[in-house]
């Protein structure tokens, strides 16, 4: 039996409408998933290229932001460790002043010598702490201990500094310093100086002036190193703010180029799905009329 033209037209129109609505729903779903109106270069080649550039900049910005977080953490570690060493050196200087008291008995000097030995061990331990990246906080990038106390009390240091951290295009920060930069002065070092002071106290002789001077110089160097770390931390904070601002600017630019709005897309999808369901229901109902049954 031949289907009447009007019936065929009804089927064609209904089928076309449902295909169109299904395609619209599919595209809206894709746009919602991608959170973008532009899904391919064919949608808008110029806008597509701009969006690709923004996406690459976002990826770079995210990587730099992660590095900034690491840099902040390591800088905080270095600042805290240097502050601890500074406090320990202040104890050394206070004990040296006490030891120079002419009325102090020999047993008191020996007790101070023992305290100085303990403090030196604490300073070495603090200088050998590992940073959050797993390497020595105040050592080179080859791993191992930053500071080694030798049998004669002197200190040995690893060479170089830990790896710098890239925080922006052409920008990086060295989040720490080599321990030799603040625990060594010329041909002397803190370990040799404190060991010489301890030997004098145990022997009941005068504290060597050169050794006391070295302690003071090391204390000054630690303060300088801590100030340098603070300056680097301030620069990282500035870069962090710049990265945040740049991300916001890219987001605003993306909105201008793309114009995607999540709420609007959801509303359009709901309307499209409602229309599709209504069309399908109407088609199903009309298809089941006796006329169509007869035509079959």
C-alpha atoms as a PDB file:
ATOM      1  CA  UNK A   1       0.000   0.000   0.000  1.00  0.00           C
ATOM      2  CA  UNK A   2       1.262   3.450  -0.878  1.00  0.00           C
ATOM      3  CA  UNK A   3       1.608   5.934   1.988  1.00  0.00           C
ATOM      4  CA  UNK A   4      -0.203   9.203   1.350  1.00  0.00           C
ATOM      5  CA  UNK A   5       2.030  12.236   0.700  1.00  0.00           C
ATOM      6  CA  UNK A   6       0.656  14.004   3.775  1.00  0.00           C
ATOM      7  CA  UNK A   7       1.561  11.023   5.937  1.00  0.00           C
ATOM      8  CA  UNK A   8       5.027  10.804   4.441  1.00  0.00           C
ATOM      9  CA  UNK A   9       5.475  14.525   4.970  1.00  0.00           C
ATOM     10  CA  UNK A  10       4.425  14.133   8.599  1.00  0.00           C
ATOM     11  CA  UNK A  11       7.032  11.406   9.146  1.00  0.00           C
ATOM     12  CA  UNK A  12       9.740  13.403   7.401  1.00  0.00           C
ATOM     13  CA  UNK A  13       9.057  16.576   9.339  1.00  0.00           C
ATOM     14  CA  UNK A  14       8.849  14.766  12.664  1.00  0.00           C
ATOM     15  CA  UNK A  15      12.036  12.830  11.955  1.00  0.00           C
ATOM     16  CA  UNK A  16      13.855  15.987  10.873  1.00  0.00           C
ATOM     17  CA  UNK A  17      12.708  17.871  13.967  1.00  0.00           C
ATOM     18  CA  UNK A  18      13.836  15.088  16.299  1.00  0.00           C
ATOM     19  CA  UNK A  19      17.215  14.818  14.573  1.00  0.00           C
ATOM     20  CA  UNK A  20      17.692  18.560  14.842  1.00  0.00           C
ATOM     21  CA  UNK A  21      16.739  18.645  18.512  1.00  0.00           C
ATOM     22  CA  UNK A  22      18.971  15.641  19.282  1.00  0.00           C
ATOM     23  CA  UNK A  23      21.891  17.331  17.530  1.00  0.00           C
ATOM     24  CA  UNK A  24      21.260  20.534  19.507  1.00  0.00           C
ATOM     25  CA  UNK A  25      21.153  18.575  22.757  1.00  0.00           C
ATOM     26  CA  UNK A  26      24.375  16.745  21.891  1.00  0.00           C
ATOM     27  CA  UNK A  27      26.165  19.996  21.092  1.00  0.00           C
ATOM     28  CA  UNK A  28      24.901  21.663  24.265  1.00  0.00           C
ATOM     29  CA  UNK A  29      26.131  18.677  26.285  1.00  0.00           C
ATOM     30  CA  UNK A  30      29.534  18.957  24.638  1.00  0.00           C
ATOM     31  CA  UNK A  31      29.645  22.705  25.308  1.00  0.00           C
ATOM     32  CA  UNK A  32      28.698  22.192  28.951  1.00  0.00           C
ATOM     33  CA  UNK A  33      31.354  19.508  29.351  1.00  0.00           C
ATOM     34  CA  UNK A  34      33.996  21.695  27.683  1.00  0.00           C
ATOM     35  CA  UNK A  35      32.538  24.868  29.216  1.00  0.00           C
ATOM     36  CA  UNK A  36      32.974  26.535  25.868  1.00  0.00           C
ATOM     37  CA  UNK A  37      30.801  27.606  22.974  1.00  0.00           C
ATOM     38  CA  UNK A  38      33.651  27.002  20.518  1.00  0.00           C
ATOM     39  CA  UNK A  39      34.336  23.318  20.145  1.00  0.00           C
ATOM     40  CA  UNK A  40      36.341  23.300  16.901  1.00  0.00           C
ATOM     41  CA  UNK A  41      38.232  25.697  14.623  1.00  0.00           C
ATOM     42  CA  UNK A  42      35.310  25.575  12.204  1.00  0.00           C
ATOM     43  CA  UNK A  43      33.129  27.331  14.804  1.00  0.00           C
ATOM     44  CA  UNK A  44      35.373  30.430  14.777  1.00  0.00           C
ATOM     45  CA  UNK A  45      38.990  30.009  13.705  1.00  0.00           C
ATOM     46  CA  UNK A  46      40.242  33.285  15.177  1.00  0.00           C
ATOM     47  CA  UNK A  47      38.507  32.744  18.509  1.00  0.00           C
ATOM     48  CA  UNK A  48      39.677  29.104  18.528  1.00  0.00           C
ATOM     49  CA  UNK A  49      43.319  30.169  18.201  1.00  0.00           C
ATOM     50  CA  UNK A  50      42.947  32.760  20.949  1.00  0.00           C
ATOM     51  CA  UNK A  51      41.340  30.204  23.257  1.00  0.00           C
ATOM     52  CA  UNK A  52      44.115  27.707  22.558  1.00  0.00           C
ATOM     53  CA  UNK A  53      46.675  30.360  23.496  1.00  0.00           C
ATOM     54  CA  UNK A  54      44.794  31.120  26.691  1.00  0.00           C
ATOM     55  CA  UNK A  55      44.640  27.420  27.560  1.00  0.00           C
ATOM     56  CA  UNK A  56      48.395  27.062  27.077  1.00  0.00           C
ATOM     57  CA  UNK A  57      48.976  30.145  29.223  1.00  0.00           C
ATOM     58  CA  UNK A  58      46.700  28.638  31.889  1.00  0.00           C
ATOM     59  CA  UNK A  59      48.717  25.418  31.870  1.00  0.00           C
ATOM     60  CA  UNK A  60      51.983  27.347  32.208  1.00  0.00           C
ATOM     61  CA  UNK A  61      50.477  29.525  34.919  1.00  0.00           C
ATOM     62  CA  UNK A  62      49.314  26.472  36.872  1.00  0.00           C
ATOM     63  CA  UNK A  63      52.803  24.961  36.689  1.00  0.00           C
ATOM     64  CA  UNK A  64      54.415  28.202  37.856  1.00  0.00           C
ATOM     65  CA  UNK A  65      51.839  28.541  40.642  1.00  0.00           C
ATOM     66  CA  UNK A  66      52.725  25.046  41.861  1.00  0.00           C
ATOM     67  CA  UNK A  67      56.417  25.982  41.792  1.00  0.00           C
ATOM     68  CA  UNK A  68      55.651  29.174  43.713  1.00  0.00           C
ATOM     69  CA  UNK A  69      54.003  27.074  46.417  1.00  0.00           C
ATOM     70  CA  UNK A  70      57.111  24.887  46.647  1.00  0.00           C
ATOM     71  CA  UNK A  71      59.379  27.948  46.694  1.00  0.00           C
ATOM     72  CA  UNK A  72      57.361  29.530  49.503  1.00  0.00           C
ATOM     73  CA  UNK A  73      57.569  26.341  51.545  1.00  0.00           C
ATOM     74  CA  UNK A  74      61.332  25.950  51.095  1.00  0.00           C
ATOM     75  CA  UNK A  75      61.934  29.639  51.815  1.00  0.00           C
ATOM     76  CA  UNK A  76      59.899  29.340  55.006  1.00  0.00           C
ATOM     77  CA  UNK A  77      61.963  26.306  55.979  1.00  0.00           C
ATOM     78  CA  UNK A  78      65.196  28.176  55.331  1.00  0.00           C
ATOM     79  CA  UNK A  79      64.000  31.225  57.260  1.00  0.00           C
ATOM     80  CA  UNK A  80      62.951  29.091  60.217  1.00  0.00           C
ATOM     81  CA  UNK A  81      66.197  27.096  60.235  1.00  0.00           C
ATOM     82  CA  UNK A  82      68.334  30.235  60.037  1.00  0.00           C
ATOM     83  CA  UNK A  83      66.300  31.770  62.832  1.00  0.00           C
ATOM     84  CA  UNK A  84      66.959  28.681  64.961  1.00  0.00           C
ATOM     85  CA  UNK A  85      70.680  28.799  64.186  1.00  0.00           C
ATOM     86  CA  UNK A  86      70.709  32.505  65.013  1.00  0.00           C
ATOM     87  CA  UNK A  87      69.153  31.782  68.412  1.00  0.00           C
ATOM     88  CA  UNK A  88      71.668  29.014  69.029  1.00  0.00           C
ATOM     89  CA  UNK A  89      74.548  31.359  68.178  1.00  0.00           C
ATOM     90  CA  UNK A  90      73.164  33.898  70.609  1.00  0.00           C
ATOM     91  CA  UNK A  91      73.388  31.210  73.285  1.00  0.00           C
ATOM     92  CA  UNK A  92      77.016  30.590  72.277  1.00  0.00           C
ATOM     93  CA  UNK A  93      77.860  34.287  72.617  1.00  0.00           C
ATOM     94  CA  UNK A  94      76.119  34.468  75.994  1.00  0.00           C
ATOM     95  CA  UNK A  95      78.060  31.454  77.245  1.00  0.00           C
ATOM     96  CA  UNK A  96      81.330  32.955  76.010  1.00  0.00           C
ATOM     97  CA  UNK A  97      80.631  36.103  78.011  1.00  0.00           C
ATOM     98  CA  UNK A  98      79.882  33.994  81.091  1.00  0.00           C
ATOM     99  CA  UNK A  99      83.028  31.932  80.595  1.00  0.00           C
ATOM    100  CA  UNK A 100      85.176  35.079  80.576  1.00  0.00           C
ATOM    101  CA  UNK A 101      84.051  35.885  84.125  1.00  0.00           C
ATOM    102  CA  UNK A 102      87.216  35.714  86.175  1.00  0.00           C
ATOM    103  CA  UNK A 103      85.378  34.356  89.205  1.00  0.00           C
ATOM    104  CA  UNK A 104      83.979  31.345  87.353  1.00  0.00           C
ATOM    105  CA  UNK A 105      85.470  28.106  88.771  1.00  0.00           C
ATOM    106  CA  UNK A 106      87.112  25.508  86.565  1.00  0.00           C
ATOM    107  CA  UNK A 107      84.111  23.188  86.917  1.00  0.00           C
ATOM    108  CA  UNK A 108      81.853  25.973  85.626  1.00  0.00           C
ATOM    109  CA  UNK A 109      84.079  26.454  82.577  1.00  0.00           C
ATOM    110  CA  UNK A 110      84.000  22.732  81.853  1.00  0.00           C
ATOM    111  CA  UNK A 111      80.204  22.788  82.117  1.00  0.00           C
ATOM    112  CA  UNK A 112      80.066  25.684  79.641  1.00  0.00           C
ATOM    113  CA  UNK A 113      82.390  23.811  77.290  1.00  0.00           C
ATOM    114  CA  UNK A 114      80.004  20.855  77.350  1.00  0.00           C
ATOM    115  CA  UNK A 115      77.062  23.146  76.615  1.00  0.00           C
ATOM    116  CA  UNK A 116      78.941  24.663  73.677  1.00  0.00           C
ATOM    117  CA  UNK A 117      79.589  21.180  72.296  1.00  0.00           C
ATOM    118  CA  UNK A 118      75.895  20.346  72.505  1.00  0.00           C
ATOM    119  CA  UNK A 119      74.919  23.608  70.793  1.00  0.00           C
ATOM    120  CA  UNK A 120      77.417  23.006  67.987  1.00  0.00           C
ATOM    121  CA  UNK A 121      75.866  19.575  67.399  1.00  0.00           C
ATOM    122  CA  UNK A 122      72.415  21.170  67.299  1.00  0.00           C
ATOM    123  CA  UNK A 123      73.557  23.769  64.773  1.00  0.00           C
ATOM    124  CA  UNK A 124      75.055  21.077  62.532  1.00  0.00           C
ATOM    125  CA  UNK A 125      71.836  19.067  62.810  1.00  0.00           C
ATOM    126  CA  UNK A 126      69.727  22.109  61.916  1.00  0.00           C
ATOM    127  CA  UNK A 127      71.977  22.918  58.961  1.00  0.00           C
ATOM    128  CA  UNK A 128      71.545  19.357  57.689  1.00  0.00           C
ATOM    129  CA  UNK A 129      67.751  19.388  57.573  1.00  0.00           C
ATOM    130  CA  UNK A 130      66.170  18.275  54.282  1.00  0.00           C
ATOM    131  CA  UNK A 131      63.839  20.536  52.347  1.00  0.00           C
ATOM    132  CA  UNK A 132      60.392  19.541  51.084  1.00  0.00           C
ATOM    133  CA  UNK A 133      61.940  18.406  47.798  1.00  0.00           C
ATOM    134  CA  UNK A 134      64.004  15.822  49.653  1.00  0.00           C
ATOM    135  CA  UNK A 135      67.403  17.450  49.146  1.00  0.00           C
ATOM    136  CA  UNK A 136      69.599  19.203  51.731  1.00  0.00           C
ATOM    137  CA  UNK A 137      68.146  22.593  52.623  1.00  0.00           C
ATOM    138  CA  UNK A 138      71.568  24.233  52.888  1.00  0.00           C
ATOM    139  CA  UNK A 139      73.574  21.969  50.587  1.00  0.00           C
ATOM    140  CA  UNK A 140      74.285  21.363  46.938  1.00  0.00           C
ATOM    141  CA  UNK A 141      72.081  19.570  44.447  1.00  0.00           C
ATOM    142  CA  UNK A 142      74.008  16.290  44.653  1.00  0.00           C
ATOM    143  CA  UNK A 143      72.309  15.189  47.883  1.00  0.00           C
ATOM    144  CA  UNK A 144      74.027  14.079  51.070  1.00  0.00           C
ATOM    145  CA  UNK A 145      74.695  16.139  54.167  1.00  0.00           C
ATOM    146  CA  UNK A 146      75.234  19.856  53.785  1.00  0.00           C
ATOM    147  CA  UNK A 147      77.606  19.996  56.767  1.00  0.00           C
ATOM    148  CA  UNK A 148      79.973  17.380  58.198  1.00  0.00           C
ATOM    149  CA  UNK A 149      81.748  17.770  61.520  1.00  0.00           C
ATOM    150  CA  UNK A 150      85.267  16.382  61.308  1.00  0.00           C
ATOM    151  CA  UNK A 151      87.189  14.614  64.063  1.00  0.00           C
ATOM    152  CA  UNK A 152      89.062  17.832  64.925  1.00  0.00           C
ATOM    153  CA  UNK A 153      85.791  19.722  65.331  1.00  0.00           C
ATOM    154  CA  UNK A 154      86.062  21.668  62.077  1.00  0.00           C
ATOM    155  CA  UNK A 155      83.243  21.669  59.545  1.00  0.00           C
ATOM    156  CA  UNK A 156      83.227  20.543  55.911  1.00  0.00           C
ATOM    157  CA  UNK A 157      80.600  21.666  53.429  1.00  0.00           C
ATOM    158  CA  UNK A 158      79.122  20.377  50.197  1.00  0.00           C
ATOM    159  CA  UNK A 159      79.694  22.594  47.179  1.00  0.00           C
ATOM    160  CA  UNK A 160      77.083  24.434  45.163  1.00  0.00           C
ATOM    161  CA  UNK A 161      73.484  25.229  46.003  1.00  0.00           C
ATOM    162  CA  UNK A 162      70.196  23.394  45.620  1.00  0.00           C
ATOM    163  CA  UNK A 163      68.337  23.695  42.330  1.00  0.00           C
ATOM    164  CA  UNK A 164      66.652  27.013  41.740  1.00  0.00           C
ATOM    165  CA  UNK A 165      62.884  26.978  41.171  1.00  0.00           C
ATOM    166  CA  UNK A 166      61.327  28.526  38.029  1.00  0.00           C
ATOM    167  CA  UNK A 167      58.437  30.761  39.068  1.00  0.00           C
ATOM    168  CA  UNK A 168      57.664  32.602  35.829  1.00  0.00           C
ATOM    169  CA  UNK A 169      58.795  33.217  32.274  1.00  0.00           C
ATOM    170  CA  UNK A 170      62.517  33.885  32.623  1.00  0.00           C
ATOM    171  CA  UNK A 171      62.209  34.055  36.416  1.00  0.00           C
ATOM    172  CA  UNK A 172      63.528  31.680  39.048  1.00  0.00           C
ATOM    173  CA  UNK A 173      64.386  31.828  42.732  1.00  0.00           C
ATOM    174  CA  UNK A 174      67.123  30.172  44.763  1.00  0.00           C
ATOM    175  CA  UNK A 175      65.174  29.263  47.909  1.00  0.00           C
ATOM    176  CA  UNK A 176      68.159  28.651  50.159  1.00  0.00           C
ATOM    177  CA  UNK A 177      71.922  29.113  50.560  1.00  0.00           C
ATOM    178  CA  UNK A 178      74.929  26.879  50.947  1.00  0.00           C
ATOM    179  CA  UNK A 179      75.793  26.445  54.629  1.00  0.00           C
ATOM    180  CA  UNK A 180      79.386  27.479  53.927  1.00  0.00           C
ATOM    181  CA  UNK A 181      78.087  30.927  53.100  1.00  0.00           C
ATOM    182  CA  UNK A 182      77.091  31.597  56.697  1.00  0.00           C
ATOM    183  CA  UNK A 183      78.968  29.055  58.859  1.00  0.00           C
ATOM    184  CA  UNK A 184      82.422  29.719  57.393  1.00  0.00           C
ATOM    185  CA  UNK A 185      84.528  32.881  57.537  1.00  0.00           C
ATOM    186  CA  UNK A 186      87.687  33.040  55.468  1.00  0.00           C
ATOM    187  CA  UNK A 187      89.920  30.178  56.594  1.00  0.00           C
ATOM    188  CA  UNK A 188      87.921  29.471  59.763  1.00  0.00           C
ATOM    189  CA  UNK A 189      84.474  28.072  60.466  1.00  0.00           C
ATOM    190  CA  UNK A 190      82.052  27.864  63.350  1.00  0.00           C
ATOM    191  CA  UNK A 191      83.070  24.313  64.271  1.00  0.00           C
ATOM    192  CA  UNK A 192      86.763  25.195  64.540  1.00  0.00           C
ATOM    193  CA  UNK A 193      85.965  28.335  66.553  1.00  0.00           C
ATOM    194  CA  UNK A 194      83.703  26.621  69.088  1.00  0.00           C
ATOM    195  CA  UNK A 195      86.121  23.685  69.389  1.00  0.00           C
ATOM    196  CA  UNK A 196      88.958  26.134  70.160  1.00  0.00           C
ATOM    197  CA  UNK A 197      86.821  27.854  72.801  1.00  0.00           C
ATOM    198  CA  UNK A 198      85.919  24.495  74.352  1.00  0.00           C
ATOM    199  CA  UNK A 199      89.583  23.449  74.483  1.00  0.00           C
ATOM    200  CA  UNK A 200      90.530  26.695  76.231  1.00  0.00           C
ATOM    201  CA  UNK A 201      87.751  26.310  78.792  1.00  0.00           C
ATOM    202  CA  UNK A 202      88.675  22.688  79.536  1.00  0.00           C
ATOM    203  CA  UNK A 203      92.320  23.706  79.926  1.00  0.00           C
ATOM    204  CA  UNK A 204      91.456  26.718  82.075  1.00  0.00           C
ATOM    205  CA  UNK A 205      93.126  29.175  79.664  1.00  0.00           C
ATOM    206  CA  UNK A 206      91.806  32.341  78.069  1.00  0.00           C
ATOM    207  CA  UNK A 207      89.305  32.078  75.241  1.00  0.00           C
ATOM    208  CA  UNK A 208      91.083  32.857  71.931  1.00  0.00           C
ATOM    209  CA  UNK A 209      89.968  36.252  70.655  1.00  0.00           C
ATOM    210  CA  UNK A 210      90.040  34.999  67.051  1.00  0.00           C
ATOM    211  CA  UNK A 211      87.641  32.201  67.905  1.00  0.00           C
ATOM    212  CA  UNK A 212      85.221  34.582  69.615  1.00  0.00           C
ATOM    213  CA  UNK A 213      85.464  36.934  66.601  1.00  0.00           C
ATOM    214  CA  UNK A 214      84.609  34.048  64.289  1.00  0.00           C
ATOM    215  CA  UNK A 215      81.494  33.271  66.322  1.00  0.00           C
ATOM    216  CA  UNK A 216      80.407  36.904  66.005  1.00  0.00           C
ATOM    217  CA  UNK A 217      81.109  36.983  62.261  1.00  0.00           C
ATOM    218  CA  UNK A 218      79.160  33.771  61.740  1.00  0.00           C
ATOM    219  CA  UNK A 219      76.269  35.222  63.734  1.00  0.00           C
ATOM    220  CA  UNK A 220      76.284  38.315  61.497  1.00  0.00           C
ATOM    221  CA  UNK A 221      76.406  36.147  58.372  1.00  0.00           C
ATOM    222  CA  UNK A 222      73.444  34.082  59.534  1.00  0.00           C
ATOM    223  CA  UNK A 223      71.452  37.286  60.060  1.00  0.00           C
ATOM    224  CA  UNK A 224      72.434  38.471  56.577  1.00  0.00           C
ATOM    225  CA  UNK A 225      71.469  35.120  55.035  1.00  0.00           C
ATOM    226  CA  UNK A 226      68.105  35.245  56.786  1.00  0.00           C
ATOM    227  CA  UNK A 227      67.495  38.775  55.489  1.00  0.00           C
ATOM    228  CA  UNK A 228      68.316  37.581  51.973  1.00  0.00           C
ATOM    229  CA  UNK A 229      65.839  34.714  52.321  1.00  0.00           C
ATOM    230  CA  UNK A 230      63.213  37.207  53.468  1.00  0.00           C
ATOM    231  CA  UNK A 231      63.831  39.388  50.407  1.00  0.00           C
ATOM    232  CA  UNK A 232      63.465  36.388  48.106  1.00  0.00           C
ATOM    233  CA  UNK A 233      60.233  35.389  49.860  1.00  0.00           C
ATOM    234  CA  UNK A 234      58.883  38.902  49.297  1.00  0.00           C
ATOM    235  CA  UNK A 235      59.715  38.634  45.581  1.00  0.00           C
ATOM    236  CA  UNK A 236      57.977  35.254  45.376  1.00  0.00           C
ATOM    237  CA  UNK A 237      54.891  36.800  47.015  1.00  0.00           C
ATOM    238  CA  UNK A 238      54.874  39.498  44.328  1.00  0.00           C
ATOM    239  CA  UNK A 239      55.173  36.897  41.560  1.00  0.00           C
ATOM    240  CA  UNK A 240      52.397  34.871  43.194  1.00  0.00           C
ATOM    241  CA  UNK A 241      50.099  37.914  43.083  1.00  0.00           C
ATOM    242  CA  UNK A 242      51.050  38.536  39.460  1.00  0.00           C
ATOM    243  CA  UNK A 243      50.180  34.947  38.541  1.00  0.00           C
ATOM    244  CA  UNK A 244      46.811  35.268  40.276  1.00  0.00           C
ATOM    245  CA  UNK A 245      46.072  38.542  38.455  1.00  0.00           C
ATOM    246  CA  UNK A 246      47.159  37.083  35.115  1.00  0.00           C
ATOM    247  CA  UNK A 247      44.856  34.092  35.632  1.00  0.00           C
ATOM    248  CA  UNK A 248      41.931  36.406  36.356  1.00  0.00           C
ATOM    249  CA  UNK A 249      42.750  38.478  33.259  1.00  0.00           C
ATOM    250  CA  UNK A 250      42.822  35.358  31.092  1.00  0.00           C
ATOM    251  CA  UNK A 251      39.484  34.266  32.514  1.00  0.00           C
ATOM    252  CA  UNK A 252      37.951  37.647  31.644  1.00  0.00           C
ATOM    253  CA  UNK A 253      39.438  37.492  28.152  1.00  0.00           C
ATOM    254  CA  UNK A 254      38.100  33.961  27.679  1.00  0.00           C
ATOM    255  CA  UNK A 255      34.619  35.148  28.640  1.00  0.00           C
ATOM    256  CA  UNK A 256      34.864  37.919  26.056  1.00  0.00           C
ATOM    257  CA  UNK A 257      36.139  35.625  23.304  1.00  0.00           C
ATOM    258  CA  UNK A 258      33.952  32.615  24.042  1.00  0.00           C
ATOM    259  CA  UNK A 259      30.902  34.043  25.789  1.00  0.00           C
ATOM    260  CA  UNK A 260      30.071  30.705  27.410  1.00  0.00           C
ATOM    261  CA  UNK A 261      27.693  30.876  30.368  1.00  0.00           C
ATOM    262  CA  UNK A 262      27.047  27.682  32.298  1.00  0.00           C
ATOM    263  CA  UNK A 263      23.600  28.647  33.600  1.00  0.00           C
ATOM    264  CA  UNK A 264      22.433  29.747  30.152  1.00  0.00           C
ATOM    265  CA  UNK A 265      23.724  26.532  28.567  1.00  0.00           C
ATOM    266  CA  UNK A 266      21.932  24.389  31.159  1.00  0.00           C
ATOM    267  CA  UNK A 267      18.687  26.299  30.591  1.00  0.00           C
ATOM    268  CA  UNK A 268      18.978  25.886  26.827  1.00  0.00           C
ATOM    269  CA  UNK A 269      19.672  22.163  27.242  1.00  0.00           C
ATOM    270  CA  UNK A 270      16.619  21.732  29.457  1.00  0.00           C
ATOM    271  CA  UNK A 271      14.420  23.554  26.941  1.00  0.00           C
ATOM    272  CA  UNK A 272      15.825  21.498  24.073  1.00  0.00           C
ATOM    273  CA  UNK A 273      15.290  18.220  25.927  1.00  0.00           C
ATOM    274  CA  UNK A 274      11.723  19.272  26.798  1.00  0.00           C
ATOM    275  CA  UNK A 275      11.003  20.053  23.136  1.00  0.00           C
ATOM    276  CA  UNK A 276      12.574  16.766  22.043  1.00  0.00           C
ATOM    277  CA  UNK A 277      10.557  14.754  24.533  1.00  0.00           C
ATOM    278  CA  UNK A 278       7.361  16.544  23.516  1.00  0.00           C
ATOM    279  CA  UNK A 279       8.072  15.914  19.845  1.00  0.00           C
ATOM    280  CA  UNK A 280       8.803  12.256  20.487  1.00  0.00           C
ATOM    281  CA  UNK A 281       5.605  11.905  22.523  1.00  0.00           C
ATOM    282  CA  UNK A 282       3.501  13.574  19.827  1.00  0.00           C
ATOM    283  CA  UNK A 283       5.051  11.454  17.114  1.00  0.00           C
ATOM    284  CA  UNK A 284       4.457   8.292  19.099  1.00  0.00           C
ATOM    285  CA  UNK A 285       0.856   9.208  19.827  1.00  0.00           C
ATOM    286  CA  UNK A 286      -0.006  10.179  16.271  1.00  0.00           C
ATOM    287  CA  UNK A 287       1.795   7.158  14.873  1.00  0.00           C
ATOM    288  CA  UNK A 288      -0.459   4.856  16.839  1.00  0.00           C
ATOM    289  CA  UNK A 289      -3.737   6.256  15.419  1.00  0.00           C
ATOM    290  CA  UNK A 290      -5.920   3.785  13.596  1.00  0.00           C
ATOM    291  CA  UNK A 291      -5.221   5.518  10.312  1.00  0.00           C
ATOM    292  CA  UNK A 292      -1.536   4.710  10.604  1.00  0.00           C
ATOM    293  CA  UNK A 293      -2.347   1.204  11.772  1.00  0.00           C
ATOM    294  CA  UNK A 294      -4.516   0.852   8.685  1.00  0.00           C
ATOM    295  CA  UNK A 295      -1.836   2.234   6.400  1.00  0.00           C
ATOM    296  CA  UNK A 296       0.601  -0.351   7.692  1.00  0.00           C
END
